[in-house]
Amino acid sequence: MERFFRYTLTVLISTVAAMEFYQVVMRYILELPVMGLEELLVYPTLWLYFLGSVNASREDTQIKANVLDVFLKTDRAKLIVRVIADLMSVVVASWLTYWAWDYFRYALRVWKESPTLYIPTFYAECAMFIGLSLMTIYAAWYLVNNLRRLLNPPRTQQGA
């Protein structure tokens, strides 16, 4: 999984940067606008956004404000707060995934096309459902792991 995200995100960010560079050169230096490039940019940009979010969920490196950790004294108390936060993450992510599923079905049924290049927008729109589904799975996975740690604390060895 690590390799997939590393290479996919690198290709996507490079594609977006190259397309933006091409647009700037053509429009502002050569004064030749490129029709449809903005439409093309939507696809890798949306996938980059959602796959980057999925990768942050997978690595558990989302931006967090762990303010309560400053006031909590024990590791157990910090773990309890983490479990509560994970539970809230699963609830919110599930709710958003449910909405994204409705939008996914709508996009599949309507099958819109971009105005200039006539590319089906479904290929960009499905990124939301796929990304949120994976984020929900990773949030649930961390919730289960942290619940296990909370309910089954490591046993300390006592000296003889």
N, C-alpha and C. Protein backbone atom coordinates (compact mmCIF):
# COMPACT_ATOMS: atom_id res chain seq x y z
N MET A 1 0.81 -1.18 0.00
CA MET A 1 0.00 0.00 0.00
C MET A 1 0.86 1.26 0.00
N GLU A 2 1.93 1.21 0.76
CA GLU A 2 2.85 2.35 0.84
C GLU A 2 3.35 2.74 -0.56
N ARG A 3 3.78 1.75 -1.32
CA ARG A 3 4.31 1.99 -2.66
C ARG A 3 3.24 2.57 -3.58
N PHE A 4 2.01 2.02 -3.49
CA PHE A 4 0.91 2.51 -4.32
C PHE A 4 0.69 4.00 -4.09
N PHE A 5 0.58 4.40 -2.82
CA PHE A 5 0.32 5.80 -2.52
C PHE A 5 1.50 6.68 -2.89
N ARG A 6 2.71 6.21 -2.65
CA ARG A 6 3.89 7.02 -2.97
C ARG A 6 3.93 7.34 -4.46
N TYR A 7 3.77 6.33 -5.29
CA TYR A 7 3.88 6.55 -6.73
C TYR A 7 2.65 7.22 -7.32
N THR A 8 1.48 6.84 -6.85
CA THR A 8 0.26 7.45 -7.38
C THR A 8 0.20 8.93 -7.05
N LEU A 9 0.48 9.29 -5.80
CA LEU A 9 0.44 10.69 -5.42
C LEU A 9 1.54 11.49 -6.12
N THR A 10 2.69 10.88 -6.33
CA THR A 10 3.76 11.57 -7.06
C THR A 10 3.37 11.83 -8.50
N VAL A 11 2.77 10.85 -9.14
CA VAL A 11 2.32 11.02 -10.53
C VAL A 11 1.23 12.09 -10.61
N LEU A 12 0.30 12.06 -9.68
CA LEU A 12 -0.79 13.04 -9.70
C LEU A 12 -0.29 14.46 -9.47
N ILE A 13 0.57 14.67 -8.49
CA ILE A 13 1.07 16.02 -8.22
C ILE A 13 1.95 16.52 -9.36
N SER A 14 2.71 15.61 -9.95
CA SER A 14 3.54 16.00 -11.10
C SER A 14 2.67 16.36 -12.30
N THR A 15 1.60 15.63 -12.50
CA THR A 15 0.68 15.91 -13.60
C THR A 15 0.02 17.28 -13.42
N VAL A 16 -0.46 17.54 -12.22
CA VAL A 16 -1.09 18.83 -11.95
C VAL A 16 -0.09 19.97 -12.14
N ALA A 17 1.11 19.81 -11.61
CA ALA A 17 2.13 20.86 -11.74
C ALA A 17 2.51 21.08 -13.20
N ALA A 18 2.69 20.01 -13.96
CA ALA A 18 3.05 20.14 -15.38
C ALA A 18 1.94 20.82 -16.18
N MET A 19 0.71 20.45 -15.90
CA MET A 19 -0.41 21.06 -16.62
C MET A 19 -0.54 22.54 -16.27
N GLU A 20 -0.36 22.88 -15.01
CA GLU A 20 -0.41 24.29 -14.61
C GLU A 20 0.74 25.08 -15.24
N PHE A 21 1.93 24.50 -15.26
CA PHE A 21 3.08 25.16 -15.88
C PHE A 21 2.82 25.40 -17.36
N TYR A 22 2.31 24.40 -18.04
CA TYR A 22 1.98 24.52 -19.46
C TYR A 22 0.95 25.63 -19.68
N GLN A 23 -0.06 25.67 -18.81
CA GLN A 23 -1.09 26.70 -18.93
C GLN A 23 -0.50 28.10 -18.75
N VAL A 24 0.37 28.27 -17.78
CA VAL A 24 0.98 29.58 -17.52
C VAL A 24 1.85 30.00 -18.70
N VAL A 25 2.66 29.09 -19.20
CA VAL A 25 3.53 29.41 -20.33
C VAL A 25 2.70 29.79 -21.55
N MET A 26 1.71 28.99 -21.85
CA MET A 26 0.90 29.26 -23.04
C MET A 26 0.10 30.55 -22.90
N ARG A 27 -0.52 30.77 -21.76
CA ARG A 27 -1.41 31.91 -21.61
C ARG A 27 -0.66 33.22 -21.39
N TYR A 28 0.33 33.23 -20.52
CA TYR A 28 0.94 34.50 -20.13
C TYR A 28 2.23 34.82 -20.87
N ILE A 29 2.91 33.83 -21.38
CA ILE A 29 4.14 34.11 -22.11
C ILE A 29 3.87 34.15 -23.61
N LEU A 30 3.22 33.10 -24.12
CA LEU A 30 2.94 33.04 -25.55
C LEU A 30 1.59 33.65 -25.93
N GLU A 31 0.80 34.02 -24.92
CA GLU A 31 -0.52 34.62 -25.12
C GLU A 31 -1.42 33.78 -26.02
N LEU A 32 -1.37 32.46 -25.80
CA LEU A 32 -2.23 31.51 -26.52
C LEU A 32 -2.98 30.67 -25.49
N PRO A 33 -4.25 30.99 -25.25
CA PRO A 33 -4.99 30.19 -24.27
C PRO A 33 -5.22 28.76 -24.75
N VAL A 34 -5.16 27.84 -23.82
CA VAL A 34 -5.38 26.43 -24.13
C VAL A 34 -6.79 26.08 -23.67
N MET A 35 -7.65 25.81 -24.62
CA MET A 35 -9.04 25.51 -24.28
C MET A 35 -9.14 24.11 -23.67
N GLY A 36 -9.88 24.01 -22.58
CA GLY A 36 -10.16 22.72 -21.98
C GLY A 36 -9.16 22.24 -20.95
N LEU A 37 -8.06 22.94 -20.78
CA LEU A 37 -7.05 22.48 -19.83
C LEU A 37 -7.59 22.53 -18.39
N GLU A 38 -8.41 23.54 -18.10
CA GLU A 38 -9.00 23.62 -16.76
C GLU A 38 -9.88 22.40 -16.50
N GLU A 39 -10.59 21.96 -17.53
CA GLU A 39 -11.43 20.76 -17.38
C GLU A 39 -10.58 19.53 -17.09
N LEU A 40 -9.47 19.41 -17.79
CA LEU A 40 -8.58 18.27 -17.56
C LEU A 40 -7.96 18.29 -16.17
N LEU A 41 -7.67 19.49 -15.67
CA LEU A 41 -7.04 19.62 -14.36
C LEU A 41 -7.93 19.14 -13.22
N VAL A 42 -9.23 19.18 -13.43
CA VAL A 42 -10.15 18.76 -12.37
C VAL A 42 -9.92 17.29 -12.00
N TYR A 43 -9.66 16.45 -12.96
CA TYR A 43 -9.55 15.00 -12.72
C TYR A 43 -8.37 14.65 -11.82
N PRO A 44 -7.14 14.99 -12.19
CA PRO A 44 -6.04 14.63 -11.29
C PRO A 44 -6.07 15.40 -9.97
N THR A 45 -6.63 16.62 -9.99
CA THR A 45 -6.68 17.41 -8.76
C THR A 45 -7.62 16.77 -7.73
N LEU A 46 -8.80 16.36 -8.16
CA LEU A 46 -9.73 15.71 -7.24
C LEU A 46 -9.17 14.39 -6.72
N TRP A 47 -8.59 13.60 -7.59
CA TRP A 47 -8.01 12.33 -7.15
C TRP A 47 -6.84 12.57 -6.20
N LEU A 48 -6.03 13.59 -6.49
CA LEU A 48 -4.92 13.94 -5.61
C LEU A 48 -5.43 14.34 -4.23
N TYR A 49 -6.45 15.15 -4.19
CA TYR A 49 -7.02 15.60 -2.93
C TYR A 49 -7.54 14.42 -2.10
N PHE A 50 -8.35 13.58 -2.71
CA PHE A 50 -8.95 12.48 -1.96
C PHE A 50 -7.95 11.38 -1.63
N LEU A 51 -7.07 11.03 -2.57
CA LEU A 51 -6.08 10.00 -2.26
C LEU A 51 -5.06 10.50 -1.24
N GLY A 52 -4.77 11.78 -1.26
CA GLY A 52 -3.90 12.35 -0.22
C GLY A 52 -4.56 12.27 1.15
N SER A 53 -5.86 12.51 1.19
CA SER A 53 -6.60 12.38 2.45
C SER A 53 -6.65 10.93 2.92
N VAL A 54 -6.84 10.02 1.99
CA VAL A 54 -6.84 8.60 2.33
C VAL A 54 -5.47 8.20 2.87
N ASN A 55 -4.42 8.69 2.24
CA ASN A 55 -3.07 8.36 2.70
C ASN A 55 -2.82 8.90 4.11
N ALA A 56 -3.30 10.11 4.39
CA ALA A 56 -3.16 10.67 5.74
C ALA A 56 -3.95 9.83 6.74
N SER A 57 -5.12 9.34 6.34
CA SER A 57 -5.90 8.46 7.22
C SER A 57 -5.18 7.15 7.44
N ARG A 58 -4.59 6.62 6.38
CA ARG A 58 -3.87 5.34 6.48
C ARG A 58 -2.68 5.46 7.42
N GLU A 59 -1.94 6.56 7.29
CA GLU A 59 -0.75 6.78 8.13
C GLU A 59 -1.09 7.35 9.50
N ASP A 60 -2.35 7.75 9.68
CA ASP A 60 -2.80 8.42 10.90
C ASP A 60 -1.99 9.69 11.14
N THR A 61 -1.83 10.49 10.08
CA THR A 61 -1.05 11.72 10.17
C THR A 61 -1.87 12.96 9.85
N GLN A 62 -3.19 12.87 10.03
CA GLN A 62 -4.01 14.05 9.81
C GLN A 62 -3.62 15.12 10.82
N ILE A 63 -3.92 16.35 10.48
CA ILE A 63 -3.64 17.46 11.41
C ILE A 63 -4.62 17.35 12.57
N LYS A 64 -4.07 17.33 13.77
CA LYS A 64 -4.90 17.19 14.97
C LYS A 64 -4.49 18.26 15.97
N ALA A 65 -5.45 18.68 16.74
CA ALA A 65 -5.17 19.61 17.83
C ALA A 65 -5.37 18.84 19.14
N ASN A 66 -4.33 18.18 19.58
CA ASN A 66 -4.40 17.36 20.79
C ASN A 66 -4.21 18.23 22.03
N VAL A 67 -5.11 19.18 22.20
CA VAL A 67 -5.00 20.12 23.31
C VAL A 67 -5.20 19.41 24.65
N LEU A 68 -6.10 18.45 24.68
CA LEU A 68 -6.37 17.75 25.94
C LEU A 68 -5.16 16.97 26.44
N ASP A 69 -4.28 16.56 25.54
CA ASP A 69 -3.09 15.80 25.96
C ASP A 69 -2.21 16.60 26.91
N VAL A 70 -2.27 17.92 26.80
CA VAL A 70 -1.47 18.77 27.69
C VAL A 70 -1.96 18.65 29.13
N PHE A 71 -3.27 18.50 29.29
CA PHE A 71 -3.86 18.47 30.63
C PHE A 71 -3.99 17.07 31.22
N LEU A 72 -3.93 16.06 30.39
CA LEU A 72 -4.10 14.69 30.87
C LEU A 72 -2.77 14.15 31.36
N LYS A 73 -2.83 13.48 32.49
CA LYS A 73 -1.60 13.00 33.12
C LYS A 73 -1.19 11.60 32.68
N THR A 74 -2.16 10.71 32.50
CA THR A 74 -1.82 9.31 32.24
C THR A 74 -2.00 8.95 30.77
N ASP A 75 -1.28 7.93 30.37
CA ASP A 75 -1.43 7.43 29.00
C ASP A 75 -2.82 6.85 28.78
N ARG A 76 -3.39 6.26 29.83
CA ARG A 76 -4.73 5.69 29.72
C ARG A 76 -5.77 6.78 29.43
N ALA A 77 -5.67 7.91 30.10
CA ALA A 77 -6.60 9.02 29.86
C ALA A 77 -6.46 9.54 28.43
N LYS A 78 -5.22 9.62 27.96
CA LYS A 78 -4.99 10.07 26.58
C LYS A 78 -5.58 9.07 25.59
N LEU A 79 -5.47 7.78 25.91
CA LEU A 79 -6.02 6.74 25.05
C LEU A 79 -7.55 6.80 25.02
N ILE A 80 -8.17 7.11 26.15
CA ILE A 80 -9.63 7.25 26.21
C ILE A 80 -10.07 8.39 25.30
N VAL A 81 -9.37 9.50 25.37
CA VAL A 81 -9.70 10.65 24.51
C VAL A 81 -9.51 10.26 23.04
N ARG A 82 -8.47 9.50 22.77
CA ARG A 82 -8.21 9.05 21.38
C ARG A 82 -9.34 8.15 20.87
N VAL A 83 -9.83 7.25 21.72
CA VAL A 83 -10.93 6.36 21.34
C VAL A 83 -12.19 7.18 21.05
N ILE A 84 -12.47 8.17 21.89
CA ILE A 84 -13.64 9.03 21.67
C ILE A 84 -13.48 9.78 20.35
N ALA A 85 -12.29 10.31 20.09
CA ALA A 85 -12.05 11.03 18.83
C ALA A 85 -12.18 10.09 17.63
N ASP A 86 -11.66 8.87 17.76
CA ASP A 86 -11.78 7.89 16.68
C ASP A 86 -13.24 7.53 16.42
N LEU A 87 -14.02 7.39 17.49
CA LEU A 87 -15.44 7.08 17.35
C LEU A 87 -16.16 8.21 16.62
N MET A 88 -15.86 9.44 17.01
CA MET A 88 -16.47 10.59 16.32
C MET A 88 -16.04 10.65 14.86
N SER A 89 -14.80 10.30 14.58
CA SER A 89 -14.31 10.28 13.20
C SER A 89 -15.07 9.25 12.37
N VAL A 90 -15.30 8.08 12.94
CA VAL A 90 -16.03 7.03 12.22
C VAL A 90 -17.46 7.48 11.95
N VAL A 91 -18.10 8.09 12.93
CA VAL A 91 -19.49 8.55 12.76
C VAL A 91 -19.57 9.60 11.66
N VAL A 92 -18.71 10.61 11.72
CA VAL A 92 -18.74 11.68 10.72
C VAL A 92 -18.36 11.15 9.34
N ALA A 93 -17.33 10.33 9.27
CA ALA A 93 -16.90 9.78 7.98
C ALA A 93 -17.98 8.88 7.39
N SER A 94 -18.66 8.11 8.22
CA SER A 94 -19.75 7.26 7.72
C SER A 94 -20.89 8.10 7.18
N TRP A 95 -21.21 9.16 7.88
CA TRP A 95 -22.27 10.06 7.45
C TRP A 95 -21.91 10.70 6.10
N LEU A 96 -20.69 11.19 5.96
CA LEU A 96 -20.25 11.79 4.70
C LEU A 96 -20.18 10.76 3.58
N THR A 97 -19.78 9.54 3.91
CA THR A 97 -19.73 8.48 2.91
C THR A 97 -21.14 8.13 2.42
N TYR A 98 -22.09 8.16 3.32
CA TYR A 98 -23.49 7.92 2.92
C TYR A 98 -23.94 8.98 1.92
N TRP A 99 -23.63 10.23 2.19
CA TRP A 99 -23.96 11.31 1.25
C TRP A 99 -23.20 11.14 -0.06
N ALA A 100 -21.95 10.77 0.03
CA ALA A 100 -21.15 10.58 -1.18
C ALA A 100 -21.69 9.42 -2.02
N TRP A 101 -22.24 8.40 -1.35
CA TRP A 101 -22.85 7.28 -2.07
C TRP A 101 -24.05 7.77 -2.88
N ASP A 102 -24.88 8.63 -2.29
CA ASP A 102 -26.01 9.21 -3.03
C ASP A 102 -25.52 10.01 -4.23
N TYR A 103 -24.47 10.79 -4.02
CA TYR A 103 -23.93 11.58 -5.12
C TYR A 103 -23.31 10.67 -6.20
N PHE A 104 -22.66 9.61 -5.77
CA PHE A 104 -22.08 8.64 -6.70
C PHE A 104 -23.16 8.04 -7.59
N ARG A 105 -24.26 7.62 -6.96
CA ARG A 105 -25.38 7.05 -7.74
C ARG A 105 -25.97 8.08 -8.70
N TYR A 106 -26.09 9.33 -8.23
CA TYR A 106 -26.60 10.40 -9.08
C TYR A 106 -25.67 10.62 -10.28
N ALA A 107 -24.37 10.71 -10.02
CA ALA A 107 -23.40 10.95 -11.10
C ALA A 107 -23.40 9.80 -12.10
N LEU A 108 -23.58 8.58 -11.62
CA LEU A 108 -23.63 7.43 -12.52
C LEU A 108 -24.90 7.45 -13.37
N ARG A 109 -26.00 7.83 -12.75
CA ARG A 109 -27.28 7.86 -13.46
C ARG A 109 -27.32 8.98 -14.50
N VAL A 110 -26.85 10.18 -14.14
CA VAL A 110 -26.93 11.34 -15.03
C VAL A 110 -25.85 11.30 -16.10
N TRP A 111 -24.66 10.85 -15.73
CA TRP A 111 -23.51 10.72 -16.63
C TRP A 111 -23.25 12.03 -17.39
N LYS A 112 -22.93 13.07 -16.62
CA LYS A 112 -22.65 14.39 -17.21
C LYS A 112 -21.31 14.35 -17.95
N GLU A 113 -21.16 15.29 -18.86
CA GLU A 113 -19.90 15.44 -19.59
C GLU A 113 -19.40 16.86 -19.41
N SER A 114 -18.08 17.02 -19.49
CA SER A 114 -17.51 18.35 -19.36
C SER A 114 -17.93 19.19 -20.57
N PRO A 115 -18.05 20.51 -20.39
CA PRO A 115 -18.62 21.34 -21.47
C PRO A 115 -17.75 21.47 -22.72
N THR A 116 -16.45 21.44 -22.60
CA THR A 116 -15.59 21.67 -23.77
C THR A 116 -15.10 20.37 -24.40
N LEU A 117 -14.60 19.46 -23.56
CA LEU A 117 -13.96 18.25 -24.07
C LEU A 117 -14.90 17.03 -24.06
N TYR A 118 -16.06 17.16 -23.47
CA TYR A 118 -17.06 16.09 -23.39
C TYR A 118 -16.52 14.82 -22.71
N ILE A 119 -15.70 15.02 -21.69
CA ILE A 119 -15.19 13.91 -20.90
C ILE A 119 -16.21 13.64 -19.79
N PRO A 120 -16.59 12.40 -19.55
CA PRO A 120 -17.54 12.12 -18.47
C PRO A 120 -16.99 12.59 -17.11
N THR A 121 -17.78 13.41 -16.43
CA THR A 121 -17.34 13.94 -15.14
C THR A 121 -17.41 12.89 -14.04
N PHE A 122 -18.04 11.78 -14.31
CA PHE A 122 -18.15 10.70 -13.33
C PHE A 122 -16.78 10.26 -12.84
N TYR A 123 -15.79 10.26 -13.73
CA TYR A 123 -14.46 9.78 -13.36
C TYR A 123 -13.80 10.68 -12.32
N ALA A 124 -14.19 11.93 -12.25
CA ALA A 124 -13.70 12.81 -11.18
C ALA A 124 -14.63 12.74 -9.98
N GLU A 125 -15.93 12.67 -10.23
CA GLU A 125 -16.90 12.69 -9.14
C GLU A 125 -16.86 11.44 -8.27
N CYS A 126 -16.48 10.32 -8.83
CA CYS A 126 -16.44 9.08 -8.04
C CYS A 126 -15.30 9.09 -7.03
N ALA A 127 -14.34 9.99 -7.18
CA ALA A 127 -13.23 10.08 -6.24
C ALA A 127 -13.72 10.37 -4.82
N MET A 128 -14.80 11.14 -4.72
CA MET A 128 -15.32 11.49 -3.41
C MET A 128 -15.83 10.25 -2.66
N PHE A 129 -16.62 9.43 -3.31
CA PHE A 129 -17.15 8.24 -2.65
C PHE A 129 -16.04 7.24 -2.33
N ILE A 130 -15.16 7.02 -3.27
CA ILE A 130 -14.07 6.06 -3.05
C ILE A 130 -13.16 6.55 -1.92
N GLY A 131 -12.80 7.83 -1.97
CA GLY A 131 -11.93 8.38 -0.93
C GLY A 131 -12.56 8.35 0.45
N LEU A 132 -13.82 8.78 0.55
CA LEU A 132 -14.48 8.78 1.85
C LEU A 132 -14.71 7.36 2.38
N SER A 133 -14.98 6.42 1.48
CA SER A 133 -15.13 5.03 1.91
C SER A 133 -13.84 4.51 2.53
N LEU A 134 -12.73 4.78 1.87
CA LEU A 134 -11.44 4.32 2.40
C LEU A 134 -11.08 5.03 3.70
N MET A 135 -11.38 6.33 3.79
CA MET A 135 -11.11 7.06 5.03
C MET A 135 -11.94 6.50 6.18
N THR A 136 -13.18 6.12 5.91
CA THR A 136 -14.05 5.53 6.94
C THR A 136 -13.46 4.20 7.40
N ILE A 137 -12.99 3.40 6.47
CA ILE A 137 -12.40 2.10 6.82
C ILE A 137 -11.16 2.29 7.70
N TYR A 138 -10.29 3.23 7.32
CA TYR A 138 -9.09 3.46 8.13
C TYR A 138 -9.44 4.02 9.50
N ALA A 139 -10.43 4.91 9.57
CA ALA A 139 -10.84 5.46 10.87
C ALA A 139 -11.38 4.34 11.76
N ALA A 140 -12.17 3.44 11.17
CA ALA A 140 -12.70 2.31 11.94
C ALA A 140 -11.58 1.39 12.39
N TRP A 141 -10.59 1.20 11.54
CA TRP A 141 -9.46 0.34 11.88
C TRP A 141 -8.69 0.90 13.09
N TYR A 142 -8.45 2.21 13.09
CA TYR A 142 -7.76 2.83 14.23
C TYR A 142 -8.62 2.80 15.48
N LEU A 143 -9.93 2.94 15.31
CA LEU A 143 -10.83 2.84 16.47
C LEU A 143 -10.73 1.45 17.09
N VAL A 144 -10.79 0.42 16.28
CA VAL A 144 -10.70 -0.95 16.80
C VAL A 144 -9.35 -1.17 17.49
N ASN A 145 -8.27 -0.73 16.86
CA ASN A 145 -6.94 -0.92 17.47
C ASN A 145 -6.82 -0.19 18.80
N ASN A 146 -7.31 1.05 18.86
CA ASN A 146 -7.20 1.81 20.10
C ASN A 146 -8.14 1.26 21.18
N LEU A 147 -9.29 0.74 20.77
CA LEU A 147 -10.18 0.09 21.74
C LEU A 147 -9.53 -1.16 22.32
N ARG A 148 -8.86 -1.92 21.47
CA ARG A 148 -8.13 -3.10 21.96
C ARG A 148 -7.05 -2.71 22.96
N ARG A 149 -6.32 -1.65 22.65
CA ARG A 149 -5.28 -1.18 23.56
C ARG A 149 -5.88 -0.71 24.88
N LEU A 150 -7.04 -0.09 24.81
CA LEU A 150 -7.69 0.41 26.02
C LEU A 150 -8.24 -0.73 26.87
N LEU A 151 -8.86 -1.71 26.23
CA LEU A 151 -9.49 -2.81 26.96
C LEU A 151 -8.52 -3.90 27.39
N ASN A 152 -7.39 -4.01 26.69
CA ASN A 152 -6.38 -5.02 27.01
C ASN A 152 -5.03 -4.34 27.22
N PRO A 153 -4.86 -3.65 28.35
CA PRO A 153 -3.58 -2.96 28.57
C PRO A 153 -2.44 -3.97 28.70
N PRO A 154 -1.25 -3.58 28.29
CA PRO A 154 -0.11 -4.51 28.43
C PRO A 154 0.16 -4.79 29.91
N ARG A 155 0.45 -6.03 30.17
CA ARG A 155 0.73 -6.42 31.55
C ARG A 155 2.17 -6.09 31.90
N THR A 156 2.35 -5.56 33.08
CA THR A 156 3.70 -5.25 33.51
C THR A 156 4.26 -6.44 34.27
N GLN A 157 5.55 -6.65 34.07
CA GLN A 157 6.21 -7.76 34.77
C GLN A 157 6.68 -7.29 36.14
N GLN A 158 6.45 -8.12 37.10
CA GLN A 158 6.86 -7.77 38.45
C GLN A 158 8.15 -8.50 38.77
N GLY A 159 9.03 -7.80 39.41
CA GLY A 159 10.32 -8.40 39.77
C GLY A 159 10.18 -9.48 40.82
N ALA A 160 11.03 -10.49 40.79
CA ALA A 160 10.94 -11.60 41.73
C ALA A 160 11.86 -11.38 42.90
